[in-house]
Amino acid sequence: MDAEGGIFLSYRREETGHVAGRLADRLIERFGERRVFVDVDSIPPGVDFVAVIQRAVRRCDVLLVLIGRQWTSMVGSDGRRRLDDPEDFVVLEVREALARGIPVVPVLVDGAGEVGATSALQPASAMASRAATRYEAFIVRFPSSGLIKTRRRAAFPGSCRFDEAST
């Protein structure tokens, strides 16, 4: 286990998946593949997805939540707002990080506005009180240096590599 920990990228594929890949590439370039957790790249087929996500969040130093314009209003197949679903993966990720005192950084994507306290559940309320950073898809090079500095400031001793998340 490394003295430095990892970065967990929380996102909705249908809304901010395009950003997650670009940001992950930049962070992996700087910190290495073992310190950046992105579900599609970090979870092998056949393992318990929820268990791996929970372990990875527990081991991270910072959770970056990629927030698009529809983040607070997206609905699931049942017609219910996803932020109101306690089983939604983004809700689970944010709730786990908050419960463990892990820094949660909102990354506002493609003109998304600040998140207001629009939900009784913690994720939206918690995002309302956090300083955010921005990402715009038309920028050729993502200004990730601010996120890298945020991650460095958030580092806790005794943190992890994410290749251990699936074991």
C-alpha atoms as a PDB file:
ATOM      1  CA  MET A   1       0.000   0.000   0.000  1.00  0.00           C
ATOM      2  CA  ASP A   2       1.274   3.463  -0.919  1.00  0.00           C
ATOM      3  CA  ALA A   3       1.722   6.388   1.441  1.00  0.00           C
ATOM      4  CA  GLU A   4      -0.417   8.382  -1.002  1.00  0.00           C
ATOM      5  CA  GLY A   5      -4.006   7.460  -1.792  1.00  0.00           C
ATOM      6  CA  GLY A   6      -6.242   7.595  -4.773  1.00  0.00           C
ATOM      7  CA  ILE A   7      -8.789   9.565  -6.706  1.00  0.00           C
ATOM      8  CA  PHE A   8     -12.291   8.227  -7.287  1.00  0.00           C
ATOM      9  CA  LEU A   9     -14.221   9.569 -10.292  1.00  0.00           C
ATOM     10  CA  SER A  10     -17.986   9.546  -9.729  1.00  0.00           C
ATOM     11  CA  TYR A  11     -20.064  10.271 -12.832  1.00  0.00           C
ATOM     12  CA  ARG A  12     -23.141   9.358 -14.825  1.00  0.00           C
ATOM     13  CA  ARG A  13     -22.165   7.709 -18.116  1.00  0.00           C
ATOM     14  CA  GLU A  14     -25.055   9.192 -20.062  1.00  0.00           C
ATOM     15  CA  GLU A  15     -24.275  12.738 -18.928  1.00  0.00           C
ATOM     16  CA  THR A  16     -20.562  13.120 -18.133  1.00  0.00           C
ATOM     17  CA  GLY A  17     -18.938   9.930 -19.424  1.00  0.00           C
ATOM     18  CA  HIS A  18     -17.142  11.928 -22.134  1.00  0.00           C
ATOM     19  CA  VAL A  19     -15.434  13.991 -19.446  1.00  0.00           C
ATOM     20  CA  ALA A  20     -14.670  11.087 -17.131  1.00  0.00           C
ATOM     21  CA  GLY A  21     -12.455   9.431 -19.741  1.00  0.00           C
ATOM     22  CA  ARG A  22     -10.488  12.590 -20.525  1.00  0.00           C
ATOM     23  CA  LEU A  23     -10.038  13.503 -16.888  1.00  0.00           C
ATOM     24  CA  ALA A  24      -9.059   9.950 -15.963  1.00  0.00           C
ATOM     25  CA  ASP A  25      -6.384   9.955 -18.669  1.00  0.00           C
ATOM     26  CA  ARG A  26      -4.868  13.171 -17.314  1.00  0.00           C
ATOM     27  CA  LEU A  27      -4.961  11.974 -13.708  1.00  0.00           C
ATOM     28  CA  ILE A  28      -3.501   8.571 -14.624  1.00  0.00           C
ATOM     29  CA  GLU A  29      -0.729  10.356 -16.517  1.00  0.00           C
ATOM     30  CA  ARG A  30       0.125  12.276 -13.337  1.00  0.00           C
ATOM     31  CA  PHE A  31      -0.595   9.753 -10.541  1.00  0.00           C
ATOM     32  CA  GLY A  32      -0.508   6.359 -12.216  1.00  0.00           C
ATOM     33  CA  GLU A  33      -3.239   3.892 -13.087  1.00  0.00           C
ATOM     34  CA  ARG A  34      -3.277   2.330  -9.634  1.00  0.00           C
ATOM     35  CA  ARG A  35      -4.326   5.591  -7.991  1.00  0.00           C
ATOM     36  CA  VAL A  36      -7.265   6.550 -10.201  1.00  0.00           C
ATOM     37  CA  PHE A  37     -10.561   4.672  -9.941  1.00  0.00           C
ATOM     38  CA  VAL A  38     -12.977   4.758 -12.871  1.00  0.00           C
ATOM     39  CA  ASP A  39     -15.613   2.029 -12.738  1.00  0.00           C
ATOM     40  CA  VAL A  40     -15.399   0.853 -16.355  1.00  0.00           C
ATOM     41  CA  ASP A  41     -11.610   0.552 -16.208  1.00  0.00           C
ATOM     42  CA  SER A  42     -11.187  -0.564 -12.602  1.00  0.00           C
ATOM     43  CA  ILE A  43     -13.775  -3.303 -12.099  1.00  0.00           C
ATOM     44  CA  PRO A  44     -13.127  -6.675 -13.681  1.00  0.00           C
ATOM     45  CA  PRO A  45     -16.040  -8.653 -15.121  1.00  0.00           C
ATOM     46  CA  GLY A  46     -17.849 -10.994 -12.763  1.00  0.00           C
ATOM     47  CA  VAL A  47     -17.144  -9.262  -9.447  1.00  0.00           C
ATOM     48  CA  ASP A  48     -19.689  -7.637  -7.132  1.00  0.00           C
ATOM     49  CA  PHE A  49     -19.887  -4.112  -8.545  1.00  0.00           C
ATOM     50  CA  VAL A  50     -21.349  -2.521  -5.395  1.00  0.00           C
ATOM     51  CA  ALA A  51     -18.793  -4.140  -3.081  1.00  0.00           C
ATOM     52  CA  VAL A  52     -15.896  -2.993  -5.282  1.00  0.00           C
ATOM     53  CA  ILE A  53     -17.286   0.562  -5.460  1.00  0.00           C
ATOM     54  CA  GLN A  54     -17.691   0.733  -1.680  1.00  0.00           C
ATOM     55  CA  ARG A  55     -14.143  -0.551  -1.046  1.00  0.00           C
ATOM     56  CA  ALA A  56     -12.686   1.864  -3.584  1.00  0.00           C
ATOM     57  CA  VAL A  57     -14.493   4.852  -2.058  1.00  0.00           C
ATOM     58  CA  ARG A  58     -13.298   3.863   1.422  1.00  0.00           C
ATOM     59  CA  ARG A  59      -9.721   3.792   0.160  1.00  0.00           C
ATOM     60  CA  CYS A  60      -9.698   7.050  -1.766  1.00  0.00           C
ATOM     61  CA  ASP A  61      -8.316  10.402  -0.661  1.00  0.00           C
ATOM     62  CA  VAL A  62     -10.731  12.449  -2.738  1.00  0.00           C
ATOM     63  CA  LEU A  63     -13.946  11.792  -4.654  1.00  0.00           C
ATOM     64  CA  LEU A  64     -14.499  13.917  -7.747  1.00  0.00           C
ATOM     65  CA  VAL A  65     -18.191  14.140  -8.662  1.00  0.00           C
ATOM     66  CA  LEU A  66     -18.697  15.067 -12.304  1.00  0.00           C
ATOM     67  CA  ILE A  67     -21.927  17.068 -12.428  1.00  0.00           C
ATOM     68  CA  GLY A  68     -23.704  17.814 -15.693  1.00  0.00           C
ATOM     69  CA  ARG A  69     -26.636  20.107 -16.352  1.00  0.00           C
ATOM     70  CA  GLN A  70     -29.180  17.366 -15.567  1.00  0.00           C
ATOM     71  CA  TRP A  71     -27.451  15.912 -12.474  1.00  0.00           C
ATOM     72  CA  THR A  72     -30.191  16.935 -10.053  1.00  0.00           C
ATOM     73  CA  SER A  73     -33.120  16.136 -12.360  1.00  0.00           C
ATOM     74  CA  MET A  74     -32.174  12.865 -14.074  1.00  0.00           C
ATOM     75  CA  VAL A  75     -34.727  10.097 -13.609  1.00  0.00           C
ATOM     76  CA  GLY A  76     -34.405   6.332 -13.615  1.00  0.00           C
ATOM     77  CA  SER A  77     -36.470   3.774 -15.514  1.00  0.00           C
ATOM     78  CA  ASP A  78     -39.062   3.934 -12.721  1.00  0.00           C
ATOM     79  CA  GLY A  79     -39.597   7.673 -13.344  1.00  0.00           C
ATOM     80  CA  ARG A  80     -38.132   8.585  -9.960  1.00  0.00           C
ATOM     81  CA  ARG A  81     -35.373  11.153  -9.670  1.00  0.00           C
ATOM     82  CA  ARG A  82     -32.062   9.276  -9.416  1.00  0.00           C
ATOM     83  CA  LEU A  83     -30.789  11.412  -6.524  1.00  0.00           C
ATOM     84  CA  ASP A  84     -33.811  10.251  -4.536  1.00  0.00           C
ATOM     85  CA  ASP A  85     -32.945   6.591  -5.097  1.00  0.00           C
ATOM     86  CA  PRO A  86     -30.808   5.307  -2.186  1.00  0.00           C
ATOM     87  CA  GLU A  87     -29.540   2.471  -4.426  1.00  0.00           C
ATOM     88  CA  ASP A  88     -28.294   4.774  -7.201  1.00  0.00           C
ATOM     89  CA  PHE A  89     -24.532   4.362  -7.673  1.00  0.00           C
ATOM     90  CA  VAL A  90     -23.719   8.079  -7.552  1.00  0.00           C
ATOM     91  CA  VAL A  91     -25.794   8.431  -4.376  1.00  0.00           C
ATOM     92  CA  LEU A  92     -23.995   5.432  -2.841  1.00  0.00           C
ATOM     93  CA  GLU A  93     -20.559   6.795  -3.790  1.00  0.00           C
ATOM     94  CA  VAL A  94     -21.157  10.294  -2.435  1.00  0.00           C
ATOM     95  CA  ARG A  95     -22.866   9.059   0.727  1.00  0.00           C
ATOM     96  CA  GLU A  96     -19.992   6.638   1.473  1.00  0.00           C
ATOM     97  CA  ALA A  97     -17.366   9.362   0.986  1.00  0.00           C
ATOM     98  CA  LEU A  98     -19.235  11.840   3.176  1.00  0.00           C
ATOM     99  CA  ALA A  99     -19.735   9.251   5.922  1.00  0.00           C
ATOM    100  CA  ARG A 100     -15.992   8.632   5.977  1.00  0.00           C
ATOM    101  CA  GLY A 101     -14.970  12.290   5.909  1.00  0.00           C
ATOM    102  CA  ILE A 102     -13.413  11.960   2.454  1.00  0.00           C
ATOM    103  CA  PRO A 103     -13.256  15.266   0.546  1.00  0.00           C
ATOM    104  CA  VAL A 104     -15.934  15.445  -2.165  1.00  0.00           C
ATOM    105  CA  VAL A 105     -15.187  17.885  -5.005  1.00  0.00           C
ATOM    106  CA  PRO A 106     -17.972  18.842  -7.427  1.00  0.00           C
ATOM    107  CA  VAL A 107     -16.730  19.224 -11.018  1.00  0.00           C
ATOM    108  CA  LEU A 108     -19.314  21.252 -12.927  1.00  0.00           C
ATOM    109  CA  VAL A 109     -19.349  20.035 -16.542  1.00  0.00           C
ATOM    110  CA  ASP A 110     -20.366  21.867 -19.711  1.00  0.00           C
ATOM    111  CA  GLY A 111     -22.060  24.831 -18.084  1.00  0.00           C
ATOM    112  CA  ALA A 112     -23.706  22.991 -15.199  1.00  0.00           C
ATOM    113  CA  GLY A 113     -24.702  25.363 -12.432  1.00  0.00           C
ATOM    114  CA  GLU A 114     -23.952  25.079  -8.774  1.00  0.00           C
ATOM    115  CA  VAL A 115     -25.970  22.353  -7.104  1.00  0.00           C
ATOM    116  CA  GLY A 116     -28.565  23.613  -4.666  1.00  0.00           C
ATOM    117  CA  ALA A 117     -29.908  21.692  -1.701  1.00  0.00           C
ATOM    118  CA  THR A 118     -32.709  20.163  -3.793  1.00  0.00           C
ATOM    119  CA  SER A 119     -32.918  16.745  -2.222  1.00  0.00           C
ATOM    120  CA  ALA A 120     -33.622  15.357   1.186  1.00  0.00           C
ATOM    121  CA  LEU A 121     -30.794  12.919   0.503  1.00  0.00           C
ATOM    122  CA  GLN A 122     -27.290  13.960   1.405  1.00  0.00           C
ATOM    123  CA  PRO A 123     -25.592  14.018  -2.028  1.00  0.00           C
ATOM    124  CA  ALA A 124     -27.353  17.100  -3.398  1.00  0.00           C
ATOM    125  CA  SER A 125     -27.374  18.903  -0.060  1.00  0.00           C
ATOM    126  CA  ALA A 126     -23.687  18.144   0.457  1.00  0.00           C
ATOM    127  CA  MET A 127     -22.784  19.394  -3.027  1.00  0.00           C
ATOM    128  CA  ALA A 128     -24.462  22.737  -2.287  1.00  0.00           C
ATOM    129  CA  SER A 129     -21.888  23.564   0.397  1.00  0.00           C
ATOM    130  CA  ARG A 130     -18.754  22.444  -1.449  1.00  0.00           C
ATOM    131  CA  ALA A 131     -16.424  24.583  -3.532  1.00  0.00           C
ATOM    132  CA  ALA A 132     -16.599  23.399  -7.125  1.00  0.00           C
ATOM    133  CA  THR A 133     -14.334  23.470 -10.146  1.00  0.00           C
ATOM    134  CA  ARG A 134     -15.462  23.656 -13.789  1.00  0.00           C
ATOM    135  CA  TYR A 135     -14.871  21.708 -16.985  1.00  0.00           C
ATOM    136  CA  GLU A 136     -15.984  22.727 -20.471  1.00  0.00           C
ATOM    137  CA  ALA A 137     -15.821  20.138 -23.285  1.00  0.00           C
ATOM    138  CA  PHE A 138     -14.639  22.696 -25.846  1.00  0.00           C
ATOM    139  CA  ILE A 139     -11.367  23.158 -23.952  1.00  0.00           C
ATOM    140  CA  VAL A 140      -8.753  21.047 -25.705  1.00  0.00           C
ATOM    141  CA  ARG A 141      -6.631  20.468 -22.606  1.00  0.00           C
ATOM    142  CA  PHE A 142      -8.497  19.984 -19.355  1.00  0.00           C
ATOM    143  CA  PRO A 143      -7.209  22.383 -16.670  1.00  0.00           C
ATOM    144  CA  SER A 144      -6.683  19.515 -14.237  1.00  0.00           C
ATOM    145  CA  SER A 145      -3.809  21.149 -12.372  1.00  0.00           C
ATOM    146  CA  GLY A 146      -6.299  22.601  -9.891  1.00  0.00           C
ATOM    147  CA  LEU A 147      -7.772  19.149  -9.309  1.00  0.00           C
ATOM    148  CA  ILE A 148      -4.306  17.684  -8.929  1.00  0.00           C
ATOM    149  CA  LYS A 149      -3.488  20.275  -6.268  1.00  0.00           C
ATOM    150  CA  THR A 150      -6.825  19.560  -4.570  1.00  0.00           C
ATOM    151  CA  ARG A 151      -5.972  15.883  -4.497  1.00  0.00           C
ATOM    152  CA  ARG A 152      -2.552  16.554  -3.012  1.00  0.00           C
ATOM    153  CA  ARG A 153      -4.038  18.721  -0.248  1.00  0.00           C
ATOM    154  CA  ALA A 154      -6.644  16.066   0.507  1.00  0.00           C
ATOM    155  CA  ALA A 155      -4.175  13.195   0.857  1.00  0.00           C
ATOM    156  CA  PHE A 156      -4.457  11.176   4.033  1.00  0.00           C
ATOM    157  CA  PRO A 157      -1.634   8.981   5.331  1.00  0.00           C
ATOM    158  CA  GLY A 158      -1.921   5.245   4.764  1.00  0.00           C
ATOM    159  CA  SER A 159      -4.191   5.389   1.730  1.00  0.00           C
ATOM    160  CA  CYS A 160      -4.418   2.995  -1.144  1.00  0.00           C
ATOM    161  CA  ARG A 161      -3.914   1.839  -4.649  1.00  0.00           C
ATOM    162  CA  PHE A 162      -7.070   0.949  -6.479  1.00  0.00           C
ATOM    163  CA  ASP A 163      -5.833  -2.298  -7.942  1.00  0.00           C
ATOM    164  CA  GLU A 164      -6.580  -3.703  -4.486  1.00  0.00           C
ATOM    165  CA  ALA A 165     -10.265  -2.726  -4.746  1.00  0.00           C
ATOM    166  CA  SER A 166     -11.298  -5.876  -6.545  1.00  0.00           C
ATOM    167  CA  THR A 167      -9.492  -8.334  -4.315  1.00  0.00           C
END
